[in-house]
């Protein structure tokens, strides 16, 4: 993570949390990369900006799904569980979770766009198994120990347990499952003849809406 932070250019751009005071001027809290492009807002009561986290790349660009808590100086990112016009956010610094208002992302119900981990519409042959398993995600980073540990559980056929993968949203639980199933499907003697993949994904929180 330290190497990513040092080399990913976006972390070296100016980031700040802006909150407008009653005077119309802004409190500017630096988050990364310095606040020089934002400093004029401390004495500017004319520029209309919503409270929130901003990245400066040519202009001030609000990043609405990065949540900053002034009281604890903590930063959180969406972690799913969208219901009752709220969703969960998780701090990867403190591991704390909380629920925040999601009304801004409420739109009339429509069909969700296809997911990268949605099962295929038909059964096909993968190794020695008939399955609708989705292909491995582009850029998948193998995690050999975890994938093999899950494959070991899936090879147990004398009982029918429920195997649960736990962890924060976005860390790769689904891609680990796809990789483990693909692995046992391509073994010389797979433990299953048919593997059916079903998706029960949560709402995807995107900049354009859920």
N, C-alpha and C. Protein backbone atom coordinates (compact mmCIF):
# COMPACT_ATOMS: atom_id res chain seq x y z
N UNK A 1 0.82 -1.20 0.00
CA UNK A 1 0.00 0.00 0.00
C UNK A 1 0.87 1.26 0.00
N UNK A 2 1.97 1.22 0.70
CA UNK A 2 2.86 2.37 0.72
C UNK A 2 3.40 2.69 -0.65
N UNK A 3 3.73 1.64 -1.41
CA UNK A 3 4.24 1.84 -2.77
C UNK A 3 3.18 2.45 -3.67
N UNK A 4 1.92 2.00 -3.51
CA UNK A 4 0.82 2.56 -4.30
C UNK A 4 0.64 4.04 -3.98
N UNK A 5 0.66 4.34 -2.68
CA UNK A 5 0.48 5.74 -2.26
C UNK A 5 1.58 6.64 -2.82
N UNK A 6 2.81 6.11 -2.84
CA UNK A 6 3.94 6.92 -3.31
C UNK A 6 3.91 7.14 -4.82
N UNK A 7 3.41 6.15 -5.57
CA UNK A 7 3.55 6.20 -7.02
C UNK A 7 2.29 6.53 -7.79
N UNK A 8 1.12 6.43 -7.15
CA UNK A 8 -0.12 6.74 -7.86
C UNK A 8 -0.31 8.25 -7.89
N UNK A 9 -0.32 8.80 -9.10
CA UNK A 9 -0.30 10.26 -9.26
C UNK A 9 -1.48 10.95 -8.59
N UNK A 10 -2.65 10.29 -8.56
CA UNK A 10 -3.84 10.95 -8.03
C UNK A 10 -3.68 11.32 -6.56
N UNK A 11 -2.85 10.56 -5.82
CA UNK A 11 -2.65 10.87 -4.40
C UNK A 11 -1.76 12.09 -4.20
N UNK A 12 -1.12 12.55 -5.27
CA UNK A 12 -0.25 13.72 -5.16
C UNK A 12 -0.94 14.98 -5.67
N UNK A 13 -2.19 14.84 -6.11
CA UNK A 13 -2.98 16.01 -6.49
C UNK A 13 -3.58 16.63 -5.22
N UNK A 14 -3.96 17.90 -5.28
CA UNK A 14 -4.55 18.54 -4.10
C UNK A 14 -5.94 17.97 -3.78
N UNK A 15 -6.11 17.49 -2.55
CA UNK A 15 -7.39 17.02 -2.04
C UNK A 15 -7.72 17.85 -0.80
N UNK A 16 -9.00 18.19 -0.66
CA UNK A 16 -9.41 18.96 0.53
C UNK A 16 -10.87 18.70 0.83
N UNK A 17 -11.21 18.86 2.11
CA UNK A 17 -12.61 18.83 2.52
C UNK A 17 -13.06 20.28 2.68
N UNK A 18 -14.15 20.64 2.00
CA UNK A 18 -14.67 22.00 2.06
C UNK A 18 -16.00 22.02 2.81
N UNK A 19 -16.11 22.94 3.76
CA UNK A 19 -17.38 23.15 4.45
C UNK A 19 -17.65 24.65 4.51
N UNK A 20 -18.81 25.04 4.03
CA UNK A 20 -19.14 26.47 3.97
C UNK A 20 -19.64 26.95 5.33
N UNK A 21 -19.07 28.03 5.80
CA UNK A 21 -19.49 28.63 7.07
C UNK A 21 -20.70 29.53 6.86
N UNK A 22 -21.28 30.01 7.96
CA UNK A 22 -22.44 30.90 7.88
C UNK A 22 -22.11 32.19 7.14
N UNK A 23 -20.85 32.59 7.17
CA UNK A 23 -20.42 33.81 6.48
C UNK A 23 -20.39 33.62 4.97
N UNK A 24 -20.49 32.38 4.52
CA UNK A 24 -20.38 32.10 3.09
C UNK A 24 -18.98 31.70 2.67
N UNK A 25 -18.02 31.94 3.55
CA UNK A 25 -16.64 31.53 3.27
C UNK A 25 -16.48 30.05 3.67
N UNK A 26 -15.33 29.48 3.32
CA UNK A 26 -15.17 28.04 3.48
C UNK A 26 -14.08 27.70 4.50
N UNK A 27 -14.37 26.63 5.22
CA UNK A 27 -13.31 26.00 6.01
C UNK A 27 -12.66 24.97 5.10
N UNK A 28 -11.35 25.07 4.92
CA UNK A 28 -10.61 24.19 4.02
C UNK A 28 -9.74 23.25 4.85
N UNK A 29 -10.04 21.95 4.80
CA UNK A 29 -9.27 20.95 5.54
C UNK A 29 -8.42 20.17 4.55
N UNK A 30 -7.09 20.27 4.62
CA UNK A 30 -6.24 19.55 3.67
C UNK A 30 -6.29 18.04 3.90
N UNK A 31 -6.35 17.28 2.83
CA UNK A 31 -6.36 15.82 2.91
C UNK A 31 -5.12 15.22 2.26
N UNK A 32 -4.68 15.78 1.13
CA UNK A 32 -3.49 15.28 0.44
C UNK A 32 -3.04 16.31 -0.58
N UNK A 33 -1.74 16.32 -0.87
CA UNK A 33 -1.23 17.12 -1.97
C UNK A 33 -1.25 18.62 -1.77
N UNK A 34 -1.51 19.11 -0.56
CA UNK A 34 -1.56 20.55 -0.34
C UNK A 34 -2.90 21.15 -0.72
N UNK A 35 -3.15 22.37 -0.28
CA UNK A 35 -4.45 23.00 -0.51
C UNK A 35 -4.35 24.30 -1.30
N UNK A 36 -3.20 24.58 -1.91
CA UNK A 36 -3.00 25.86 -2.59
C UNK A 36 -4.15 26.25 -3.52
N UNK A 37 -4.67 25.34 -4.38
CA UNK A 37 -5.76 25.74 -5.27
C UNK A 37 -7.05 26.08 -4.54
N UNK A 38 -7.16 25.64 -3.28
CA UNK A 38 -8.39 25.87 -2.53
C UNK A 38 -8.28 27.04 -1.55
N UNK A 39 -7.08 27.53 -1.31
CA UNK A 39 -6.87 28.49 -0.23
C UNK A 39 -7.70 29.76 -0.39
N UNK A 40 -7.95 30.19 -1.63
CA UNK A 40 -8.70 31.44 -1.83
C UNK A 40 -10.12 31.35 -1.29
N UNK A 41 -10.63 30.11 -1.14
CA UNK A 41 -12.01 29.93 -0.67
C UNK A 41 -12.17 30.33 0.79
N UNK A 42 -11.07 30.39 1.52
CA UNK A 42 -11.14 30.78 2.93
C UNK A 42 -11.68 32.21 3.09
N UNK A 43 -11.50 33.01 2.04
CA UNK A 43 -11.97 34.41 2.10
C UNK A 43 -12.95 34.74 0.98
N UNK A 44 -13.44 33.71 0.29
CA UNK A 44 -14.35 33.91 -0.84
C UNK A 44 -15.76 33.48 -0.44
N UNK A 45 -16.69 34.41 -0.48
CA UNK A 45 -18.08 34.09 -0.13
C UNK A 45 -18.97 34.02 -1.36
N UNK A 46 -18.37 34.10 -2.54
CA UNK A 46 -19.15 34.15 -3.78
C UNK A 46 -19.24 32.80 -4.49
N UNK A 47 -18.22 31.96 -4.35
CA UNK A 47 -18.19 30.70 -5.09
C UNK A 47 -19.13 29.69 -4.44
N UNK A 48 -20.14 29.18 -5.16
CA UNK A 48 -21.09 28.22 -4.57
C UNK A 48 -20.61 26.78 -4.74
N UNK A 49 -20.20 26.17 -3.65
CA UNK A 49 -19.77 24.77 -3.67
C UNK A 49 -20.46 24.03 -2.53
N UNK A 50 -20.89 22.81 -2.80
CA UNK A 50 -21.50 21.98 -1.75
C UNK A 50 -20.42 21.49 -0.80
N UNK A 51 -20.80 21.24 0.45
CA UNK A 51 -19.86 20.67 1.41
C UNK A 51 -19.45 19.28 0.94
N UNK A 52 -18.15 18.95 1.08
CA UNK A 52 -17.71 17.62 0.70
C UNK A 52 -16.24 17.57 0.37
N UNK A 53 -15.80 16.40 -0.09
CA UNK A 53 -14.40 16.17 -0.46
C UNK A 53 -14.20 16.57 -1.92
N UNK A 54 -13.12 17.31 -2.18
CA UNK A 54 -12.83 17.79 -3.53
C UNK A 54 -11.41 17.42 -3.93
N UNK A 55 -11.26 17.12 -5.21
CA UNK A 55 -9.97 16.90 -5.85
C UNK A 55 -9.78 18.02 -6.87
N UNK A 56 -8.60 18.62 -6.90
CA UNK A 56 -8.34 19.68 -7.88
C UNK A 56 -7.51 19.11 -9.03
N UNK A 57 -8.15 18.98 -10.19
CA UNK A 57 -7.46 18.60 -11.42
C UNK A 57 -7.95 19.55 -12.51
N UNK A 58 -7.29 20.68 -12.65
CA UNK A 58 -7.74 21.69 -13.58
C UNK A 58 -8.88 22.53 -13.04
N UNK A 59 -9.69 21.95 -12.19
CA UNK A 59 -10.83 22.63 -11.56
C UNK A 59 -11.16 21.88 -10.28
N UNK A 60 -12.02 22.46 -9.45
CA UNK A 60 -12.45 21.77 -8.23
C UNK A 60 -13.48 20.71 -8.62
N UNK A 61 -13.19 19.45 -8.31
CA UNK A 61 -14.09 18.36 -8.68
C UNK A 61 -14.51 17.61 -7.41
N UNK A 62 -15.79 17.66 -7.12
CA UNK A 62 -16.29 16.99 -5.93
C UNK A 62 -16.24 15.48 -6.13
N UNK A 63 -15.84 14.76 -5.07
CA UNK A 63 -15.79 13.29 -5.09
C UNK A 63 -16.80 12.82 -4.04
N UNK A 64 -18.08 12.68 -4.42
CA UNK A 64 -19.14 12.51 -3.43
C UNK A 64 -19.11 11.20 -2.67
N UNK A 65 -18.44 10.18 -3.20
CA UNK A 65 -18.43 8.89 -2.51
C UNK A 65 -17.20 8.70 -1.62
N UNK A 66 -16.42 9.75 -1.44
CA UNK A 66 -15.39 9.78 -0.39
C UNK A 66 -15.97 10.61 0.75
N UNK A 67 -16.19 9.97 1.88
CA UNK A 67 -16.87 10.60 3.02
C UNK A 67 -15.84 11.00 4.07
N UNK A 68 -15.86 12.27 4.46
CA UNK A 68 -14.93 12.77 5.49
C UNK A 68 -15.71 13.15 6.73
N UNK A 69 -15.24 12.67 7.89
CA UNK A 69 -15.87 12.98 9.17
C UNK A 69 -15.00 13.99 9.92
N UNK A 70 -15.48 15.21 10.04
CA UNK A 70 -14.70 16.26 10.70
C UNK A 70 -14.41 15.93 12.15
N UNK A 71 -15.37 15.32 12.84
CA UNK A 71 -15.22 15.10 14.28
C UNK A 71 -14.06 14.16 14.61
N UNK A 72 -13.77 13.23 13.70
CA UNK A 72 -12.72 12.25 13.97
C UNK A 72 -11.58 12.31 12.96
N UNK A 73 -11.67 13.23 12.00
CA UNK A 73 -10.67 13.34 10.92
C UNK A 73 -10.48 12.00 10.21
N UNK A 74 -11.57 11.29 10.03
CA UNK A 74 -11.54 9.96 9.42
C UNK A 74 -12.16 10.02 8.02
N UNK A 75 -11.73 9.12 7.16
CA UNK A 75 -12.23 9.03 5.79
C UNK A 75 -12.82 7.65 5.58
N UNK A 76 -13.98 7.59 4.92
CA UNK A 76 -14.64 6.31 4.68
C UNK A 76 -15.09 6.21 3.23
N UNK A 77 -15.24 4.97 2.77
CA UNK A 77 -15.66 4.68 1.40
C UNK A 77 -16.89 3.78 1.44
N UNK A 78 -17.70 3.77 0.38
CA UNK A 78 -18.91 2.93 0.36
C UNK A 78 -18.59 1.46 0.57
N UNK A 79 -19.47 0.79 1.34
CA UNK A 79 -19.30 -0.64 1.63
C UNK A 79 -20.59 -1.41 1.38
N UNK A 80 -21.46 -0.86 0.51
CA UNK A 80 -22.69 -1.57 0.15
C UNK A 80 -23.81 -1.39 1.16
N UNK A 81 -24.67 -2.44 1.27
CA UNK A 81 -25.81 -2.45 2.20
C UNK A 81 -26.72 -1.25 1.99
N UNK A 82 -27.10 -0.98 0.74
CA UNK A 82 -27.97 0.16 0.41
C UNK A 82 -29.41 -0.22 0.69
N UNK A 83 -30.03 0.42 1.68
CA UNK A 83 -31.43 0.18 1.99
C UNK A 83 -31.98 1.37 2.78
N UNK A 84 -33.29 1.56 2.66
CA UNK A 84 -33.97 2.66 3.35
C UNK A 84 -33.27 4.00 3.10
N UNK A 85 -32.85 4.21 1.86
CA UNK A 85 -32.19 5.45 1.44
C UNK A 85 -30.90 5.72 2.20
N UNK A 86 -30.27 4.69 2.71
CA UNK A 86 -28.97 4.82 3.38
C UNK A 86 -28.04 3.73 2.87
N UNK A 87 -26.73 3.97 3.00
CA UNK A 87 -25.77 2.92 2.69
C UNK A 87 -24.63 2.96 3.71
N UNK A 88 -23.92 1.86 3.78
CA UNK A 88 -22.84 1.72 4.75
C UNK A 88 -21.53 2.24 4.17
N UNK A 89 -20.75 2.93 4.99
CA UNK A 89 -19.41 3.33 4.60
C UNK A 89 -18.42 2.75 5.61
N UNK A 90 -17.23 2.45 5.12
CA UNK A 90 -16.20 1.79 5.93
C UNK A 90 -14.92 2.61 5.90
N UNK A 91 -14.33 2.81 7.07
CA UNK A 91 -13.01 3.43 7.16
C UNK A 91 -11.96 2.34 7.08
N UNK A 92 -11.08 2.42 6.09
CA UNK A 92 -9.99 1.46 5.98
C UNK A 92 -8.84 1.85 6.90
N UNK A 93 -8.99 2.95 7.62
CA UNK A 93 -7.99 3.38 8.60
C UNK A 93 -8.32 2.80 9.97
N UNK A 94 -9.58 2.96 10.40
CA UNK A 94 -9.99 2.51 11.73
C UNK A 94 -10.84 1.25 11.72
N UNK A 95 -11.29 0.82 10.53
CA UNK A 95 -12.18 -0.33 10.38
C UNK A 95 -13.57 -0.06 10.93
N UNK A 96 -13.90 1.21 11.20
CA UNK A 96 -15.23 1.57 11.69
C UNK A 96 -16.22 1.65 10.52
N UNK A 97 -17.46 1.28 10.78
CA UNK A 97 -18.52 1.42 9.78
C UNK A 97 -19.62 2.32 10.32
N UNK A 98 -20.28 3.00 9.43
CA UNK A 98 -21.44 3.81 9.80
C UNK A 98 -22.34 3.92 8.59
N UNK A 99 -23.57 4.37 8.81
CA UNK A 99 -24.52 4.51 7.72
C UNK A 99 -24.71 5.99 7.41
N UNK A 100 -24.78 6.30 6.12
CA UNK A 100 -24.93 7.69 5.70
C UNK A 100 -26.11 7.81 4.74
N UNK A 101 -26.57 9.02 4.56
CA UNK A 101 -27.72 9.30 3.71
C UNK A 101 -27.39 9.00 2.24
N UNK A 102 -28.25 8.24 1.60
CA UNK A 102 -28.05 7.91 0.19
C UNK A 102 -29.11 8.49 -0.71
N UNK A 103 -29.87 9.48 -0.23
CA UNK A 103 -30.98 10.03 -1.01
C UNK A 103 -30.51 10.59 -2.35
N UNK A 104 -29.28 11.10 -2.40
CA UNK A 104 -28.78 11.70 -3.64
C UNK A 104 -28.63 10.67 -4.75
N UNK A 105 -28.59 9.40 -4.38
CA UNK A 105 -28.42 8.35 -5.39
C UNK A 105 -29.71 7.59 -5.67
N UNK A 106 -30.82 8.10 -5.13
CA UNK A 106 -32.09 7.44 -5.37
C UNK A 106 -32.62 7.82 -6.75
N UNK A 107 -32.89 6.82 -7.57
CA UNK A 107 -33.48 7.03 -8.89
C UNK A 107 -34.64 6.05 -9.05
N UNK A 108 -35.56 6.29 -9.98
CA UNK A 108 -36.65 5.33 -10.19
C UNK A 108 -36.09 3.95 -10.49
N UNK A 109 -36.72 2.88 -9.97
CA UNK A 109 -36.20 1.53 -10.19
C UNK A 109 -36.12 1.20 -11.67
N UNK A 110 -34.97 0.70 -12.09
CA UNK A 110 -34.77 0.22 -13.46
C UNK A 110 -33.94 -1.04 -13.39
N UNK A 111 -33.81 -1.71 -14.49
CA UNK A 111 -32.97 -2.91 -14.53
C UNK A 111 -31.52 -2.51 -14.29
N UNK A 112 -30.85 -3.28 -13.44
CA UNK A 112 -29.44 -3.00 -13.19
C UNK A 112 -28.61 -3.38 -14.41
N UNK A 113 -27.54 -2.65 -14.68
CA UNK A 113 -26.66 -3.03 -15.79
C UNK A 113 -25.97 -4.35 -15.48
N UNK A 114 -25.52 -5.06 -16.51
CA UNK A 114 -24.84 -6.34 -16.27
C UNK A 114 -23.63 -6.17 -15.35
N UNK A 115 -23.44 -7.15 -14.48
CA UNK A 115 -22.29 -7.12 -13.58
C UNK A 115 -21.16 -7.95 -14.18
N UNK A 116 -19.92 -7.56 -13.88
CA UNK A 116 -18.77 -8.32 -14.36
C UNK A 116 -18.74 -9.72 -13.77
N UNK A 117 -19.41 -9.90 -12.63
CA UNK A 117 -19.40 -11.22 -11.99
C UNK A 117 -20.75 -11.92 -12.12
N UNK A 118 -21.58 -11.46 -13.06
CA UNK A 118 -22.87 -12.11 -13.30
C UNK A 118 -22.65 -13.41 -14.06
N UNK A 119 -23.39 -14.45 -13.69
CA UNK A 119 -23.24 -15.74 -14.36
C UNK A 119 -23.62 -15.69 -15.83
N UNK A 120 -23.03 -16.57 -16.62
CA UNK A 120 -23.38 -16.67 -18.04
C UNK A 120 -24.83 -17.14 -18.17
N UNK A 121 -25.46 -16.80 -19.29
CA UNK A 121 -26.86 -17.17 -19.49
C UNK A 121 -27.04 -18.65 -19.82
N UNK A 122 -26.00 -19.30 -20.30
CA UNK A 122 -26.06 -20.72 -20.68
C UNK A 122 -24.93 -21.48 -20.01
N UNK A 123 -25.15 -22.79 -19.85
CA UNK A 123 -24.09 -23.65 -19.35
C UNK A 123 -23.10 -23.93 -20.47
N UNK A 124 -21.83 -23.86 -20.13
CA UNK A 124 -20.77 -24.19 -21.08
C UNK A 124 -19.78 -25.11 -20.41
N UNK A 125 -18.80 -25.56 -21.16
CA UNK A 125 -17.80 -26.49 -20.64
C UNK A 125 -16.58 -25.70 -20.16
N UNK A 126 -16.24 -25.89 -18.90
CA UNK A 126 -15.00 -25.36 -18.34
C UNK A 126 -14.26 -26.54 -17.75
N UNK A 127 -13.14 -26.92 -18.35
CA UNK A 127 -12.44 -28.11 -17.91
C UNK A 127 -13.31 -29.33 -18.09
N UNK A 128 -13.63 -30.00 -16.99
CA UNK A 128 -14.50 -31.17 -17.05
C UNK A 128 -15.86 -30.93 -16.44
N UNK A 129 -16.30 -29.67 -16.39
CA UNK A 129 -17.53 -29.31 -15.70
C UNK A 129 -18.43 -28.49 -16.62
N UNK A 130 -19.74 -28.73 -16.51
CA UNK A 130 -20.71 -27.84 -17.14
C UNK A 130 -21.02 -26.71 -16.15
N UNK A 131 -20.87 -25.48 -16.59
CA UNK A 131 -21.05 -24.36 -15.66
C UNK A 131 -21.35 -23.07 -16.41
N UNK A 132 -21.96 -22.15 -15.69
CA UNK A 132 -22.18 -20.79 -16.23
C UNK A 132 -21.27 -19.79 -15.52
N UNK A 133 -20.16 -20.29 -14.98
CA UNK A 133 -19.21 -19.46 -14.23
C UNK A 133 -18.74 -18.28 -15.08
N UNK A 134 -18.77 -17.06 -14.53
CA UNK A 134 -18.24 -15.92 -15.30
C UNK A 134 -16.73 -16.04 -15.45
N UNK A 135 -16.16 -15.41 -16.48
CA UNK A 135 -14.70 -15.48 -16.65
C UNK A 135 -13.99 -14.72 -15.54
N UNK A 136 -12.71 -15.05 -15.35
CA UNK A 136 -11.92 -14.32 -14.36
C UNK A 136 -11.88 -12.85 -14.73
N UNK A 137 -11.92 -12.01 -13.71
CA UNK A 137 -11.91 -10.57 -13.94
C UNK A 137 -10.58 -10.13 -14.55
N UNK A 138 -10.65 -9.15 -15.45
CA UNK A 138 -9.43 -8.59 -16.01
C UNK A 138 -8.60 -7.96 -14.90
N UNK A 139 -7.32 -8.23 -14.93
CA UNK A 139 -6.45 -7.68 -13.90
C UNK A 139 -6.51 -8.42 -12.58
N UNK A 140 -7.11 -9.62 -12.59
CA UNK A 140 -7.20 -10.40 -11.35
C UNK A 140 -5.81 -10.69 -10.80
N UNK A 141 -5.62 -10.40 -9.52
CA UNK A 141 -4.35 -10.67 -8.85
C UNK A 141 -4.48 -11.99 -8.09
N UNK A 142 -3.77 -13.04 -8.51
CA UNK A 142 -3.91 -14.34 -7.83
C UNK A 142 -3.54 -14.24 -6.36
N UNK A 143 -4.35 -14.88 -5.54
CA UNK A 143 -4.04 -15.03 -4.12
C UNK A 143 -4.07 -16.52 -3.82
N UNK A 144 -2.94 -17.14 -4.14
CA UNK A 144 -2.86 -18.60 -4.19
C UNK A 144 -3.31 -19.26 -2.90
N UNK A 145 -2.88 -18.73 -1.75
CA UNK A 145 -3.23 -19.38 -0.49
C UNK A 145 -4.73 -19.37 -0.27
N UNK A 146 -5.36 -18.21 -0.45
CA UNK A 146 -6.80 -18.11 -0.21
C UNK A 146 -7.60 -18.92 -1.23
N UNK A 147 -7.16 -18.88 -2.49
CA UNK A 147 -7.87 -19.64 -3.53
C UNK A 147 -7.78 -21.14 -3.27
N UNK A 148 -6.61 -21.61 -2.86
CA UNK A 148 -6.45 -23.04 -2.58
C UNK A 148 -7.22 -23.43 -1.32
N UNK A 149 -7.24 -22.54 -0.32
CA UNK A 149 -7.99 -22.84 0.91
C UNK A 149 -9.47 -23.00 0.60
N UNK A 150 -10.01 -22.13 -0.25
CA UNK A 150 -11.42 -22.25 -0.64
C UNK A 150 -11.63 -23.49 -1.49
N UNK A 151 -10.71 -23.78 -2.40
CA UNK A 151 -10.83 -24.97 -3.25
C UNK A 151 -10.86 -26.24 -2.39
N UNK A 152 -10.08 -26.27 -1.32
CA UNK A 152 -10.09 -27.43 -0.42
C UNK A 152 -11.48 -27.66 0.15
N UNK A 153 -12.14 -26.58 0.57
CA UNK A 153 -13.49 -26.71 1.12
C UNK A 153 -14.47 -27.18 0.05
N UNK A 154 -14.32 -26.67 -1.16
CA UNK A 154 -15.25 -27.03 -2.23
C UNK A 154 -15.05 -28.46 -2.72
N UNK A 155 -13.89 -29.04 -2.45
CA UNK A 155 -13.64 -30.44 -2.86
C UNK A 155 -14.33 -31.43 -1.92
N UNK A 156 -14.83 -30.96 -0.80
CA UNK A 156 -15.50 -31.85 0.16
C UNK A 156 -16.90 -32.14 -0.37
N UNK A 157 -17.16 -33.39 -0.76
CA UNK A 157 -18.45 -33.73 -1.37
C UNK A 157 -19.28 -34.68 -0.51
N UNK A 158 -18.75 -35.13 0.63
CA UNK A 158 -19.52 -36.05 1.46
C UNK A 158 -20.49 -35.32 2.37
N UNK A 159 -20.47 -34.01 2.35
CA UNK A 159 -21.46 -33.20 3.06
C UNK A 159 -21.65 -31.92 2.25
N UNK A 160 -22.65 -31.16 2.61
CA UNK A 160 -22.99 -29.99 1.81
C UNK A 160 -22.99 -28.73 2.68
N UNK A 161 -21.80 -28.24 3.03
CA UNK A 161 -21.73 -27.06 3.90
C UNK A 161 -21.97 -25.77 3.12
N UNK A 162 -22.23 -24.72 3.87
CA UNK A 162 -22.23 -23.38 3.31
C UNK A 162 -20.88 -22.76 3.63
N UNK A 163 -20.17 -22.35 2.62
CA UNK A 163 -18.85 -21.74 2.80
C UNK A 163 -19.00 -20.24 2.61
N UNK A 164 -18.69 -19.47 3.63
CA UNK A 164 -18.85 -18.01 3.58
C UNK A 164 -17.49 -17.33 3.53
N UNK A 165 -17.37 -16.35 2.66
CA UNK A 165 -16.18 -15.51 2.61
C UNK A 165 -16.53 -14.17 3.24
N UNK A 166 -15.77 -13.75 4.21
CA UNK A 166 -16.07 -12.50 4.91
C UNK A 166 -14.95 -11.50 4.69
N UNK A 167 -15.30 -10.24 4.79
CA UNK A 167 -14.30 -9.18 4.62
C UNK A 167 -14.95 -7.93 4.07
N UNK A 168 -14.20 -6.87 4.06
CA UNK A 168 -14.71 -5.58 3.59
C UNK A 168 -15.06 -5.64 2.11
N UNK A 169 -16.00 -4.81 1.72
CA UNK A 169 -16.40 -4.75 0.32
C UNK A 169 -15.25 -4.30 -0.57
N UNK A 170 -15.11 -4.97 -1.71
CA UNK A 170 -14.12 -4.56 -2.70
C UNK A 170 -12.74 -5.16 -2.54
N UNK A 171 -12.56 -6.09 -1.59
CA UNK A 171 -11.21 -6.65 -1.40
C UNK A 171 -10.97 -7.89 -2.25
N UNK A 172 -12.01 -8.36 -2.98
CA UNK A 172 -11.78 -9.45 -3.92
C UNK A 172 -12.36 -10.79 -3.54
N UNK A 173 -13.38 -10.81 -2.67
CA UNK A 173 -13.97 -12.10 -2.26
C UNK A 173 -14.58 -12.84 -3.45
N UNK A 174 -15.31 -12.10 -4.30
CA UNK A 174 -15.97 -12.74 -5.44
C UNK A 174 -14.96 -13.27 -6.44
N UNK A 175 -13.91 -12.51 -6.72
CA UNK A 175 -12.92 -12.98 -7.69
C UNK A 175 -12.13 -14.17 -7.15
N UNK A 176 -11.95 -14.24 -5.84
CA UNK A 176 -11.31 -15.42 -5.25
C UNK A 176 -12.19 -16.65 -5.46
N UNK A 177 -13.51 -16.48 -5.26
CA UNK A 177 -14.43 -17.60 -5.46
C UNK A 177 -14.42 -18.07 -6.91
N UNK A 178 -14.44 -17.14 -7.86
CA UNK A 178 -14.41 -17.51 -9.28
C UNK A 178 -13.13 -18.27 -9.60
N UNK A 179 -12.00 -17.77 -9.09
CA UNK A 179 -10.71 -18.41 -9.37
C UNK A 179 -10.65 -19.82 -8.77
N UNK A 180 -11.19 -19.99 -7.55
CA UNK A 180 -11.16 -21.31 -6.90
C UNK A 180 -12.03 -22.31 -7.65
N UNK A 181 -13.22 -21.88 -8.09
CA UNK A 181 -14.10 -22.78 -8.83
C UNK A 181 -13.50 -23.13 -10.17
N UNK A 182 -12.91 -22.15 -10.84
CA UNK A 182 -12.24 -22.41 -12.12
C UNK A 182 -11.11 -23.42 -11.93
N UNK A 183 -10.43 -23.32 -10.81
CA UNK A 183 -9.31 -24.22 -10.53
C UNK A 183 -9.78 -25.67 -10.40
N UNK A 184 -10.84 -25.90 -9.61
CA UNK A 184 -11.28 -27.28 -9.43
C UNK A 184 -11.98 -27.81 -10.68
N UNK A 185 -12.58 -26.91 -11.47
CA UNK A 185 -13.23 -27.35 -12.71
C UNK A 185 -12.21 -27.87 -13.71
N UNK A 186 -10.98 -27.37 -13.64
CA UNK A 186 -9.94 -27.77 -14.58
C UNK A 186 -9.04 -28.87 -14.05
N UNK A 187 -9.40 -29.44 -12.90
CA UNK A 187 -8.62 -30.58 -12.40
C UNK A 187 -8.90 -31.83 -13.22
N UNK A 188 -8.02 -32.80 -13.09
CA UNK A 188 -8.17 -34.03 -13.89
C UNK A 188 -9.49 -34.73 -13.59
N UNK A 189 -9.87 -34.77 -12.33
CA UNK A 189 -11.15 -35.37 -11.93
C UNK A 189 -11.91 -34.38 -11.05
N UNK A 190 -12.65 -33.48 -11.65
CA UNK A 190 -13.39 -32.49 -10.85
C UNK A 190 -14.40 -33.18 -9.93
N UNK A 191 -14.63 -32.63 -8.74
CA UNK A 191 -15.57 -33.25 -7.80
C UNK A 191 -17.04 -33.04 -8.18
N UNK A 192 -17.31 -32.20 -9.18
CA UNK A 192 -18.69 -31.92 -9.58
C UNK A 192 -18.84 -32.08 -11.09
N UNK A 193 -20.05 -32.45 -11.50
CA UNK A 193 -20.37 -32.50 -12.93
C UNK A 193 -20.91 -31.16 -13.42
N UNK A 194 -21.68 -30.49 -12.55
CA UNK A 194 -22.30 -29.22 -12.91
C UNK A 194 -22.08 -28.22 -11.77
N UNK A 195 -21.71 -27.01 -12.12
CA UNK A 195 -21.59 -25.91 -11.15
C UNK A 195 -22.43 -24.76 -11.66
N UNK A 196 -23.42 -24.33 -10.86
CA UNK A 196 -24.29 -23.22 -11.25
C UNK A 196 -23.93 -22.00 -10.41
N UNK A 197 -23.63 -20.91 -11.09
CA UNK A 197 -23.24 -19.66 -10.42
C UNK A 197 -24.43 -18.71 -10.44
N UNK A 198 -24.82 -18.24 -9.26
CA UNK A 198 -25.88 -17.23 -9.16
C UNK A 198 -25.32 -16.00 -8.48
N UNK A 199 -25.81 -14.85 -8.88
CA UNK A 199 -25.32 -13.58 -8.33
C UNK A 199 -26.41 -12.94 -7.49
N UNK A 200 -26.05 -12.54 -6.28
CA UNK A 200 -26.97 -11.82 -5.39
C UNK A 200 -26.32 -10.51 -5.00
N UNK A 201 -25.80 -9.82 -5.99
CA UNK A 201 -25.01 -8.62 -5.72
C UNK A 201 -25.86 -7.52 -5.09
N UNK A 202 -25.18 -6.66 -4.34
CA UNK A 202 -25.81 -5.47 -3.77
C UNK A 202 -25.86 -4.39 -4.84
N UNK A 203 -26.51 -3.29 -4.54
CA UNK A 203 -26.55 -2.17 -5.48
C UNK A 203 -25.14 -1.60 -5.64
N UNK A 204 -24.74 -1.37 -6.89
CA UNK A 204 -23.46 -0.74 -7.15
C UNK A 204 -23.59 0.77 -6.99
N UNK A 205 -22.75 1.35 -6.12
CA UNK A 205 -22.77 2.80 -5.94
C UNK A 205 -21.78 3.42 -6.91
N UNK A 206 -22.30 4.09 -7.92
CA UNK A 206 -21.48 4.74 -8.93
C UNK A 206 -21.68 6.25 -8.86
N UNK A 207 -20.78 6.99 -9.52
CA UNK A 207 -20.92 8.44 -9.54
C UNK A 207 -22.25 8.85 -10.15
N UNK A 208 -22.76 8.04 -11.11
CA UNK A 208 -23.99 8.38 -11.81
C UNK A 208 -25.24 7.92 -11.06
N UNK A 209 -25.07 7.16 -9.99
CA UNK A 209 -26.22 6.67 -9.23
C UNK A 209 -26.06 5.20 -8.92
N UNK A 210 -27.04 4.59 -8.20
CA UNK A 210 -26.94 3.18 -7.82
C UNK A 210 -27.22 2.26 -9.00
